[in-house]
Amino acid sequence: MSQKKRSDKNSVTAALGGFKGAIESVPLPQGVELRSEDEMVIWGQFTRARAREDWRDMDLILLAKVVRMEADIRQHPAAVEEQGVIIENQRGTPIPNPLLAIIDTVERRQLAVIRSMSLNQQASSIEPLLLLSGANY
């Protein structure tokens, strides 16, 4: 009985394939469009978090939402800096700038999606060595 030979993910060939996948740009899934060139730049920044072949269409659709949120977040700090953190309402009472609450809400939503996609996790090169050595860390 012959079994299909699986490639070793720790091989040099697999490593080179992973680097190649990380360098190639990840296309937008069908039906998804970004609003600007700035969003395309952000798309490239986020898609480098994984190798190209590791992205599923569902992940890319969610990632497009994350990219749009990031573009929106990047627009508001200039307005907050111009207006100030504390502004006056119609009665002249000092209040926190409402843009701060908007930015906070969008950042929380964005981080929730990023966590659900496990984009914020990063492998450490030393952890496997420590596990093999039996060291407590």
Protein backbone atom coordinates (compact mmCIF):
# COMPACT_ATOMS: atom_id res chain seq x y z
CA MET A 1 0.00 0.00 0.00
CA SER A 2 1.57 3.27 -1.08
CA GLN A 3 1.02 6.44 0.84
CA LYS A 4 1.35 9.92 -0.50
CA LYS A 5 4.59 11.44 0.75
CA ARG A 6 4.03 14.72 2.59
CA SER A 7 6.57 17.47 2.36
CA ASP A 8 8.36 18.50 5.53
CA LYS A 9 7.27 21.99 6.61
CA ASN A 10 10.68 22.45 8.26
CA SER A 11 12.59 21.84 5.03
CA VAL A 12 14.56 24.45 3.12
CA THR A 13 12.14 24.09 0.21
CA ALA A 14 9.17 24.86 2.45
CA ALA A 15 10.98 27.85 3.97
CA LEU A 16 11.79 29.27 0.54
CA GLY A 17 8.20 28.74 -0.55
CA GLY A 18 7.00 30.57 2.55
CA PHE A 19 9.26 33.53 1.86
CA LYS A 20 8.08 33.63 -1.74
CA GLY A 21 4.45 33.63 -0.57
CA ALA A 22 5.17 36.44 1.87
CA ILE A 23 6.73 38.62 -0.81
CA GLU A 24 4.04 38.20 -3.47
CA SER A 25 1.09 40.55 -3.14
CA VAL A 26 -2.23 39.08 -2.10
CA PRO A 27 -5.05 39.97 -4.50
CA LEU A 28 -8.39 41.26 -3.29
CA PRO A 29 -11.13 38.61 -3.27
CA GLN A 30 -13.92 38.91 -5.83
CA GLY A 31 -16.51 41.53 -4.96
CA VAL A 32 -14.21 43.48 -2.64
CA GLU A 33 -12.93 46.93 -3.57
CA LEU A 34 -10.82 49.35 -1.61
CA ARG A 35 -11.57 53.08 -1.65
CA SER A 36 -8.15 54.60 -2.28
CA GLU A 37 -4.48 54.06 -3.02
CA ASP A 38 -3.77 54.60 0.70
CA GLU A 39 -5.96 51.60 1.46
CA MET A 40 -4.01 49.53 -1.08
CA VAL A 41 -0.80 50.43 0.78
CA ILE A 42 -2.40 49.37 4.08
CA TRP A 43 -3.65 46.18 2.37
CA GLY A 44 -0.07 45.29 1.48
CA GLN A 45 1.08 45.97 5.03
CA PHE A 46 -1.55 43.72 6.59
CA THR A 47 -1.37 40.90 4.03
CA ARG A 48 2.34 40.42 4.73
CA ALA A 49 1.31 39.01 8.12
CA ARG A 50 0.86 35.61 6.44
CA ALA A 51 2.16 33.80 3.39
CA ARG A 52 -0.03 34.28 0.32
CA GLU A 53 -1.26 30.68 0.27
CA ASP A 54 -2.34 30.86 3.93
CA TRP A 55 -5.07 33.46 3.26
CA ARG A 56 -8.62 32.21 2.80
CA ASP A 57 -11.22 34.30 0.96
CA MET A 58 -13.21 34.70 4.17
CA ASP A 59 -10.10 36.07 5.92
CA LEU A 60 -9.45 38.48 3.06
CA ILE A 61 -13.00 39.83 3.21
CA LEU A 62 -12.56 40.50 6.94
CA LEU A 63 -9.13 41.95 6.27
CA ALA A 64 -10.61 44.42 3.78
CA LYS A 65 -12.85 45.68 6.60
CA VAL A 66 -9.81 46.00 8.88
CA VAL A 67 -7.99 47.96 6.16
CA ARG A 68 -10.92 50.35 5.75
CA MET A 69 -11.06 50.89 9.51
CA GLU A 70 -7.29 51.54 9.60
CA ALA A 71 -7.61 54.13 6.84
CA ASP A 72 -10.41 55.84 8.78
CA ILE A 73 -8.37 55.78 12.00
CA ARG A 74 -5.40 57.37 10.20
CA GLN A 75 -7.56 60.28 8.96
CA HIS A 76 -8.81 61.48 12.35
CA PRO A 77 -5.64 62.33 14.34
CA ALA A 78 -4.95 65.37 12.16
CA ALA A 79 -8.45 66.71 12.89
CA VAL A 80 -8.04 66.06 16.62
CA GLU A 81 -4.67 67.82 16.59
CA GLU A 82 -6.16 70.79 14.75
CA GLN A 83 -9.27 71.06 16.96
CA GLY A 84 -7.65 69.97 20.20
CA VAL A 85 -8.46 67.21 22.66
CA ILE A 86 -10.84 69.50 24.54
CA ILE A 87 -13.30 71.61 22.56
CA GLU A 88 -16.19 73.86 23.52
CA ASN A 89 -19.78 72.80 22.91
CA GLN A 90 -22.53 75.21 21.75
CA ARG A 91 -22.93 76.55 25.28
CA GLY A 92 -19.22 77.22 25.63
CA THR A 93 -18.63 74.34 28.04
CA PRO A 94 -15.32 72.48 27.56
CA ILE A 95 -15.91 68.85 26.54
CA PRO A 96 -13.71 66.03 25.21
CA ASN A 97 -13.49 66.08 21.42
CA PRO A 98 -16.15 63.62 20.12
CA LEU A 99 -13.65 62.37 17.52
CA LEU A 100 -11.72 60.72 20.37
CA ALA A 101 -14.71 58.47 21.12
CA ILE A 102 -15.15 57.67 17.42
CA ILE A 103 -11.47 56.76 17.03
CA ASP A 104 -11.61 54.62 20.17
CA THR A 105 -14.70 52.74 18.95
CA VAL A 106 -13.22 52.04 15.51
CA GLU A 107 -9.91 50.92 17.05
CA ARG A 108 -11.72 48.51 19.38
CA ARG A 109 -13.73 47.05 16.50
CA GLN A 110 -10.58 46.71 14.42
CA LEU A 111 -8.64 44.97 17.20
CA ALA A 112 -11.54 42.56 17.79
CA VAL A 113 -11.44 41.49 14.14
CA ILE A 114 -7.64 41.25 14.18
CA ARG A 115 -7.77 39.03 17.28
CA SER A 116 -10.48 36.82 15.76
CA MET A 117 -8.22 36.29 12.73
CA SER A 118 -5.16 35.65 14.95
CA LEU A 119 -3.18 38.30 13.08
CA ASN A 120 -1.64 39.66 16.26
CA GLN A 121 0.13 36.41 17.13
CA GLN A 122 3.77 36.11 16.25
CA ALA A 123 5.90 33.00 16.49
CA SER A 124 9.05 33.32 18.52
CA SER A 125 12.19 31.62 17.27
CA ILE A 126 13.41 30.87 20.80
CA GLU A 127 10.25 29.29 22.24
CA PRO A 128 10.65 25.93 20.39
CA LEU A 129 14.24 25.71 21.59
CA LEU A 130 13.19 26.33 25.16
CA LEU A 131 10.45 23.73 24.92
CA LEU A 132 12.89 21.15 23.58
CA SER A 133 15.44 21.88 26.27
CA GLY A 134 12.85 21.54 29.03
CA ALA A 135 13.69 24.97 30.42
CA ASN A 136 11.12 26.82 32.46
CA TYR A 137 10.45 30.32 31.22
